[in-house]
Each structure stands twice: as structure tokens, then as C-alpha cells.
Amino acid sequence: MGPSNNILFAVALIISILITAASAGSFYDDMDITFGGERAKILNGGQDLSLSLDQYSGSGFQSKHEYLFGRFDMQLKLVPGNSAGTVTTFYLSSQGAGHDEIDFEFLGNSTGNPYTIHTNVYSQGKGNKEQQFHLWFDPTAAFHTYTIVWNSLRIIFLIDNIPVRVFNNNDAAGVPFPKSQPMRVYASLWNADDWATQGGRVKTDWTNAPFTASYRKFNANAKKVGLNSMSKSSENDQSQAWSTQGLDAAGRNRIRWVQTKHMIYNYCNDRKRFPNGLSEECKRSRFL
């Protein structure tokens, strides 16, 4: 091979490496579109993904891999304007009747009114552990990072790295905790105007359709089920701090601020809904 061929080969190799690096961690690599057809679009070479909802269907995607514990980050920009009746989601879930699930759901609202951030934890098919928040920023104006940390000790919900909720493992006290069923990452945009906005009193205005939410920068620092290696994000960063992650003093101050100033519903305070007594974990943790 002559000098000119060597140079061409080297250039081609560098280009190949750059293309591979650019595609690593893209939505093409990490996700499958599950419903909605053309309403779900992977854009910018796999770096962005948009979901749309019209009067015929919503749309959604799921991760190609299952995980058992990890840290899962996603940046979202929610449906702007009159989003009443719409629900945008980012969550983890296993399959089957006794499934586990960890939910971020974003309940739309009429123009000028705040989104409701709805969180829930299911274990062995049982949920009813809802907490809801209003945000301290406009989630439609720019991308913000929503994070689920899931380890054997606790589940932590974070927004822009600020903890908003902790659900501790109280399995020893008879409170089921998601710990043995692998889960996939899911996201969707769908119509739920029978309950989403003010208990279903405000319906979806289809003259504003299509409604669109945007996703980017998905990162799973987690162990893929059935593989000995870490997921792509973790191959470059072997840190598994999420495996024991809790709240330090700063985190406790932040979650106290969120739950004091921005929480609008806590199942642990709803004695009318649970007249036979609150769930056991409500007595055991300050941050649920």
C-alpha cells in the first residue's frame, strides 16, 4: 500500500471512528418506537426524539434493553400552550399482572396554568402511592432533566438533579419494593382527558393538535440484564454511585423545600382516600 493509500486509509478510519462515536448512545441504538407510527420521530442523527398526539393516536417508545437497578436520565421539553388532557410520560416498568413500575407523568393544563408532575411507585402490581407537584419553572420553554435512581435501598425522583421524592425499601416491614423484576424504560404521549386535567373537568381541545413533546440526552448508568458489561454510558464511567445513592444534608434541604413549597398531593396525607389507615411506609419515612 503506497503513501497516498495509507493516508486515505487513515482518513477513512478516523471518519469511521467519528461516525461510530457520534451514533453511540443515540435513540436509534437505545430505543424502539412502540406505537404511533409517524407520530414518533427520531431526529438529528438519533440525538433527539419527538412524540406527537392527535385525535387518532398518541405515540411512544421503549428501551431495547431491560435493567435491574440504575440511574436513568432523560431531558424533556413538554407540550406548550393548551396541553389540557394530554399526558407525557417517562417511566420504568416490568411486564405482567404483578408488574413493578416507577412513574414520571406530566399532566397537561390549559394555557397559563401549571403542569402537574405525577409520580407513583408500583410493586407486585399495586400502586396507589401518588405524589404530585407543581414545578418552579416552565417545563415547556426549555429542556429539563428528569431522573429516576433505582437501587436496592430506595427510589429517588430528581428534576435537574434536585430530589423531589424518595421511596425507601421497607420490604422488611411488609411493604413491597421493586427489587427483582427487570424493567425497561418507556415514554409516551397520549390523551387522558377523562382524568388528567382537574380530574377530567377540562377536556382536550383538538383544534390545537398535533401536540408534541421532545426528548433528548437519554442516559442509563445501569446494568443491562443478561449482560456482564455495563451499559454504554457506564462503559465510559465505571462509577456506580447510584447503587447506594441517598440524600446528603444538601439533598435533604432541597427535598424539604420542594415538598413544602411545590407538593400539591401526597397519598400519605389522604386519610379520606384510605379510611382504613395509611400505608405502613407513611409512618417510617419523612421523604416519600
Protein backbone atom coordinates (compact mmCIF):
# COMPACT_ATOMS: atom_id res chain seq x y z
CA MET A 1 0.00 0.00 0.00
CA GLY A 2 1.53 3.33 -1.09
CA PRO A 3 1.79 6.53 0.98
CA SER A 4 -1.29 8.09 -0.60
CA ASN A 5 -3.30 4.93 0.07
CA ASN A 6 -2.07 4.92 3.67
CA ILE A 7 -3.29 8.48 4.11
CA LEU A 8 -6.67 7.66 2.56
CA PHE A 9 -6.98 4.59 4.79
CA ALA A 10 -6.14 6.64 7.89
CA VAL A 11 -8.67 9.33 6.96
CA ALA A 12 -11.35 6.70 6.33
CA LEU A 13 -10.58 5.08 9.69
CA ILE A 14 -10.84 8.42 11.51
CA ILE A 15 -14.14 9.18 9.79
CA SER A 16 -15.44 5.73 10.73
CA ILE A 17 -14.45 6.25 14.36
CA LEU A 18 -16.11 9.67 14.43
CA ILE A 19 -19.33 8.29 12.94
CA THR A 20 -19.35 5.45 15.47
CA ALA A 21 -18.76 7.88 18.34
CA ALA A 22 -21.50 10.19 17.08
CA SER A 23 -24.02 7.36 16.90
CA ALA A 24 -23.19 5.88 20.33
CA GLY A 25 -25.97 6.37 22.83
CA SER A 26 -28.43 7.58 20.20
CA PHE A 27 -32.14 6.86 20.23
CA TYR A 28 -31.53 4.58 17.24
CA ASP A 29 -29.26 2.46 19.43
CA ASP A 30 -31.23 2.60 22.67
CA MET A 31 -34.93 2.74 21.80
CA ASP A 32 -37.68 1.13 19.74
CA ILE A 33 -40.81 3.02 18.65
CA THR A 34 -43.74 1.09 20.09
CA PHE A 35 -46.82 2.86 18.76
CA GLY A 36 -47.97 5.92 16.88
CA GLY A 37 -46.22 5.35 13.55
CA GLU A 38 -45.01 8.63 12.07
CA ARG A 39 -46.12 10.49 15.18
CA ALA A 40 -42.87 9.32 16.78
CA LYS A 41 -39.78 10.71 15.05
CA ILE A 42 -36.09 10.20 15.74
CA LEU A 43 -34.23 13.32 14.63
CA ASN A 44 -30.74 14.82 14.31
CA GLY A 45 -28.97 11.55 13.69
CA GLY A 46 -30.53 9.88 16.70
CA GLN A 47 -29.87 12.64 19.23
CA ASP A 48 -33.48 13.83 19.54
CA LEU A 49 -36.88 12.17 19.59
CA SER A 50 -40.30 13.80 19.33
CA LEU A 51 -43.68 12.31 20.21
CA SER A 52 -46.97 13.68 18.90
CA LEU A 53 -50.62 13.22 19.75
CA ASP A 54 -53.61 13.89 17.50
CA GLN A 55 -57.25 12.86 17.66
CA TYR A 56 -56.40 9.49 16.14
CA SER A 57 -53.48 8.31 18.27
CA GLY A 58 -50.63 9.17 20.56
CA SER A 59 -47.13 7.71 20.33
CA GLY A 60 -44.45 6.09 22.42
CA PHE A 61 -41.13 4.25 22.66
CA GLN A 62 -39.32 1.79 24.90
CA SER A 63 -35.72 0.82 25.59
CA LYS A 64 -34.22 -2.07 23.69
CA HIS A 65 -32.76 -3.42 26.93
CA GLU A 66 -34.03 -4.39 30.37
CA TYR A 67 -32.29 -3.17 33.51
CA LEU A 68 -32.20 -4.18 37.16
CA PHE A 69 -31.28 -1.04 39.17
CA GLY A 70 -29.51 2.05 37.88
CA ARG A 71 -29.75 5.75 37.22
CA PHE A 72 -31.90 6.86 34.28
CA ASP A 73 -31.79 10.43 32.96
CA MET A 74 -33.90 11.98 30.22
CA GLN A 75 -34.23 15.56 29.08
CA LEU A 76 -37.78 16.60 28.15
CA LYS A 77 -39.50 19.66 26.80
CA LEU A 78 -43.23 19.33 27.35
CA VAL A 79 -46.22 20.19 25.16
CA PRO A 80 -46.55 24.00 25.07
CA GLY A 81 -49.70 26.13 25.15
CA ASN A 82 -53.04 24.50 25.85
CA SER A 83 -51.96 20.98 26.80
CA ALA A 84 -55.10 20.11 28.79
CA GLY A 85 -56.00 16.44 28.63
CA THR A 86 -52.56 15.31 27.48
CA VAL A 87 -50.18 13.11 29.45
CA THR A 88 -46.47 12.90 28.66
CA THR A 89 -44.54 10.13 30.40
CA PHE A 90 -41.07 8.85 31.28
CA TYR A 91 -41.05 5.71 33.41
CA LEU A 92 -39.69 2.25 34.13
CA SER A 93 -41.86 -0.85 34.04
CA SER A 94 -41.72 -4.62 34.04
CA GLN A 95 -44.41 -6.75 32.40
CA GLY A 96 -47.26 -8.93 33.66
CA ALA A 97 -50.10 -8.72 36.15
CA GLY A 98 -47.75 -8.38 39.12
CA HIS A 99 -45.59 -5.79 37.44
CA ASP A 100 -43.31 -3.18 39.02
CA GLU A 101 -43.32 0.42 37.79
CA ILE A 102 -41.69 3.76 38.64
CA ASP A 103 -43.52 6.72 37.08
CA PHE A 104 -42.96 10.27 36.00
CA GLU A 105 -46.18 11.50 34.36
CA PHE A 106 -46.67 15.09 33.22
CA LEU A 107 -50.31 16.14 33.23
CA GLY A 108 -51.08 18.98 30.84
CA ASN A 109 -53.21 22.02 31.60
CA SER A 110 -54.95 24.90 29.92
CA THR A 111 -52.78 27.81 28.79
CA GLY A 112 -51.33 29.78 31.69
CA ASN A 113 -51.94 27.05 34.26
CA PRO A 114 -49.15 24.82 35.59
CA TYR A 115 -48.36 21.28 34.63
CA THR A 116 -48.86 18.67 37.34
CA ILE A 117 -45.92 16.32 37.87
CA HIS A 118 -47.43 12.98 38.90
CA THR A 119 -45.18 10.33 40.48
CA ASN A 120 -46.07 6.81 41.52
CA VAL A 121 -44.44 3.52 42.50
CA TYR A 122 -45.92 0.09 41.76
CA SER A 123 -44.67 -3.15 43.23
CA GLN A 124 -46.17 -6.56 42.54
CA GLY A 125 -48.98 -4.88 40.62
CA LYS A 126 -50.01 -2.50 43.40
CA GLY A 127 -49.63 1.27 43.17
CA ASN A 128 -51.71 3.90 44.98
CA LYS A 129 -48.55 5.72 46.07
CA GLU A 130 -49.03 9.00 44.24
CA GLN A 131 -47.31 12.28 44.93
CA GLN A 132 -47.89 15.34 42.76
CA PHE A 133 -46.00 18.60 42.33
CA HIS A 134 -46.15 21.91 40.52
CA LEU A 135 -42.82 22.95 39.06
CA TRP A 136 -40.79 26.06 39.87
CA PHE A 137 -40.13 26.68 36.14
CA ASP A 138 -41.94 26.47 32.80
CA PRO A 139 -41.29 22.91 31.52
CA THR A 140 -42.38 23.87 28.00
CA ALA A 141 -39.88 26.69 27.46
CA ALA A 142 -36.68 24.63 27.54
CA PHE A 143 -35.34 21.13 28.17
CA HIS A 144 -35.01 19.95 31.77
CA THR A 145 -33.54 16.72 33.12
CA TYR A 146 -35.79 14.18 34.85
CA THR A 147 -34.05 11.36 36.69
CA ILE A 148 -35.02 8.07 38.31
CA VAL A 149 -32.45 6.50 40.63
CA TRP A 150 -33.40 2.92 41.49
CA ASN A 151 -31.31 0.77 43.79
CA SER A 152 -31.95 -1.93 46.38
CA LEU A 153 -32.30 0.65 49.17
CA ARG A 154 -34.56 3.31 47.67
CA ILE A 155 -36.01 5.06 44.65
CA ILE A 156 -35.22 8.75 44.15
CA PHE A 157 -37.01 11.06 41.74
CA LEU A 158 -34.97 14.11 40.70
CA ILE A 159 -35.62 17.15 38.50
CA ASP A 160 -32.50 18.98 37.32
CA ASN A 161 -30.68 16.93 39.96
CA ILE A 162 -32.94 18.29 42.72
CA PRO A 163 -34.60 15.43 44.65
CA VAL A 164 -38.37 15.73 44.78
CA ARG A 165 -39.28 12.34 46.21
CA VAL A 166 -37.73 9.32 47.90
CA PHE A 167 -39.41 5.94 48.26
CA ASN A 168 -37.43 3.78 50.68
CA ASN A 169 -37.24 -0.01 50.75
CA ASN A 170 -39.44 -1.07 53.67
CA ASP A 171 -39.78 -4.63 52.45
CA ALA A 172 -38.87 -5.92 55.93
CA ALA A 173 -41.97 -4.18 57.26
CA GLY A 174 -44.19 -5.86 54.67
CA VAL A 175 -44.18 -3.03 52.12
CA PRO A 176 -43.42 -4.48 48.66
CA PHE A 177 -40.47 -2.85 46.91
CA PRO A 178 -39.39 -3.23 43.26
CA LYS A 179 -36.22 -5.28 43.55
CA SER A 180 -36.34 -8.45 41.45
CA GLN A 181 -38.16 -7.75 38.19
CA PRO A 182 -36.09 -6.22 35.37
CA MET A 183 -37.64 -3.11 33.86
CA ARG A 184 -37.47 -1.30 30.55
CA VAL A 185 -37.55 2.45 30.06
CA TYR A 186 -40.76 3.75 28.48
CA ALA A 187 -42.05 7.09 27.26
CA SER A 188 -45.33 8.12 25.69
CA LEU A 189 -47.68 10.97 24.83
CA TRP A 190 -51.37 10.15 24.99
CA ASN A 191 -54.86 11.51 25.62
CA ALA A 192 -56.26 11.11 29.15
CA ASP A 193 -58.82 13.88 29.31
CA ASP A 194 -61.13 11.66 31.38
CA TRP A 195 -58.86 12.30 34.41
CA ALA A 196 -55.64 14.19 33.62
CA THR A 197 -56.65 17.84 33.92
CA GLN A 198 -58.57 18.94 37.01
CA GLY A 199 -59.99 15.46 37.44
CA GLY A 200 -61.26 15.32 33.86
CA ARG A 201 -63.23 18.57 34.02
CA VAL A 202 -61.04 20.19 31.33
CA LYS A 203 -61.03 18.26 28.05
CA THR A 204 -58.52 18.10 25.20
CA ASP A 205 -59.03 20.85 22.62
CA TRP A 206 -58.27 19.04 19.38
CA THR A 207 -58.11 22.30 17.43
CA ASN A 208 -54.63 22.63 18.99
CA ALA A 209 -53.49 19.23 17.69
CA PRO A 210 -51.00 17.86 16.99
CA PHE A 211 -49.49 18.13 20.46
CA THR A 212 -45.74 17.49 20.56
CA ALA A 213 -43.24 16.72 23.33
CA SER A 214 -39.49 16.43 22.81
CA TYR A 215 -36.91 14.07 24.34
CA ARG A 216 -33.11 14.10 24.23
CA LYS A 217 -29.93 13.02 26.05
CA PHE A 218 -31.16 9.70 27.43
CA ASN A 219 -28.57 8.15 29.70
CA ALA A 220 -28.76 4.81 31.51
CA ASN A 221 -25.98 4.30 34.04
CA ALA A 222 -27.23 0.83 34.81
CA LYS A 223 -26.63 -2.88 34.41
CA LYS A 224 -28.30 -4.45 31.41
CA VAL A 225 -29.99 -7.70 32.38
CA GLY A 226 -28.26 -10.74 30.96
CA LEU A 227 -25.01 -8.93 30.16
CA ASN A 228 -21.77 -8.92 32.08
CA SER A 229 -20.75 -5.47 30.85
CA MET A 230 -22.13 -2.14 31.88
CA SER A 231 -24.45 -0.23 29.58
CA LYS A 232 -22.82 2.12 27.06
CA SER A 233 -22.94 5.13 29.30
CA SER A 234 -21.31 3.18 32.09
CA GLU A 235 -18.55 1.72 29.97
CA ASN A 236 -17.12 5.23 29.83
CA ASP A 237 -17.82 5.93 33.50
CA GLN A 238 -17.49 2.93 35.77
CA SER A 239 -18.96 4.85 38.70
CA GLN A 240 -21.93 3.10 40.23
CA ALA A 241 -22.67 5.73 42.86
CA TRP A 242 -26.37 5.19 42.18
CA SER A 243 -26.15 1.72 43.81
CA THR A 244 -26.06 3.28 47.29
CA GLN A 245 -27.26 6.81 46.48
CA GLY A 246 -29.27 8.54 49.17
CA LEU A 247 -29.71 12.12 50.36
CA ASP A 248 -26.92 14.12 51.94
CA ALA A 249 -27.61 17.23 54.03
CA ALA A 250 -27.95 19.42 50.93
CA GLY A 251 -30.31 16.89 49.35
CA ARG A 252 -32.47 16.79 52.47
CA ASN A 253 -32.71 20.57 52.45
CA ARG A 254 -33.66 20.58 48.77
CA ILE A 255 -36.34 17.90 49.06
CA ARG A 256 -37.74 19.65 52.13
CA TRP A 257 -38.04 22.86 50.06
CA VAL A 258 -39.73 21.03 47.17
CA GLN A 259 -42.19 19.17 49.35
CA THR A 260 -43.02 22.27 51.40
CA LYS A 261 -43.37 24.73 48.52
CA HIS A 262 -44.34 22.68 45.49
CA MET A 263 -46.09 19.45 46.53
CA ILE A 264 -49.83 19.54 45.84
CA TYR A 265 -50.79 15.96 46.75
CA ASN A 266 -49.35 13.25 48.99
CA TYR A 267 -51.08 9.91 49.42
CA CYS A 268 -49.60 9.70 52.90
CA ASN A 269 -51.84 12.61 53.97
CA ASP A 270 -55.03 11.39 52.30
CA ARG A 271 -56.98 9.77 55.14
CA LYS A 272 -60.25 10.27 53.27
CA ARG A 273 -59.00 8.06 50.46
CA PHE A 274 -57.56 5.49 52.87
CA PRO A 275 -60.09 5.39 55.74
CA ASN A 276 -58.74 2.05 56.97
CA GLY A 277 -55.33 3.54 57.63
CA LEU A 278 -52.35 4.84 55.73
CA SER A 279 -49.78 2.53 54.19
CA GLU A 280 -47.05 1.33 56.54
CA GLU A 281 -44.26 3.21 54.78
CA CYS A 282 -46.01 6.51 55.54
CA LYS A 283 -45.12 6.00 59.19
CA ARG A 284 -41.49 5.16 58.52
CA SER A 285 -40.01 7.83 56.31
CA ARG A 286 -40.00 11.62 56.23
CA PHE A 287 -39.39 11.68 52.50
CA LEU A 288 -41.75 9.54 50.41
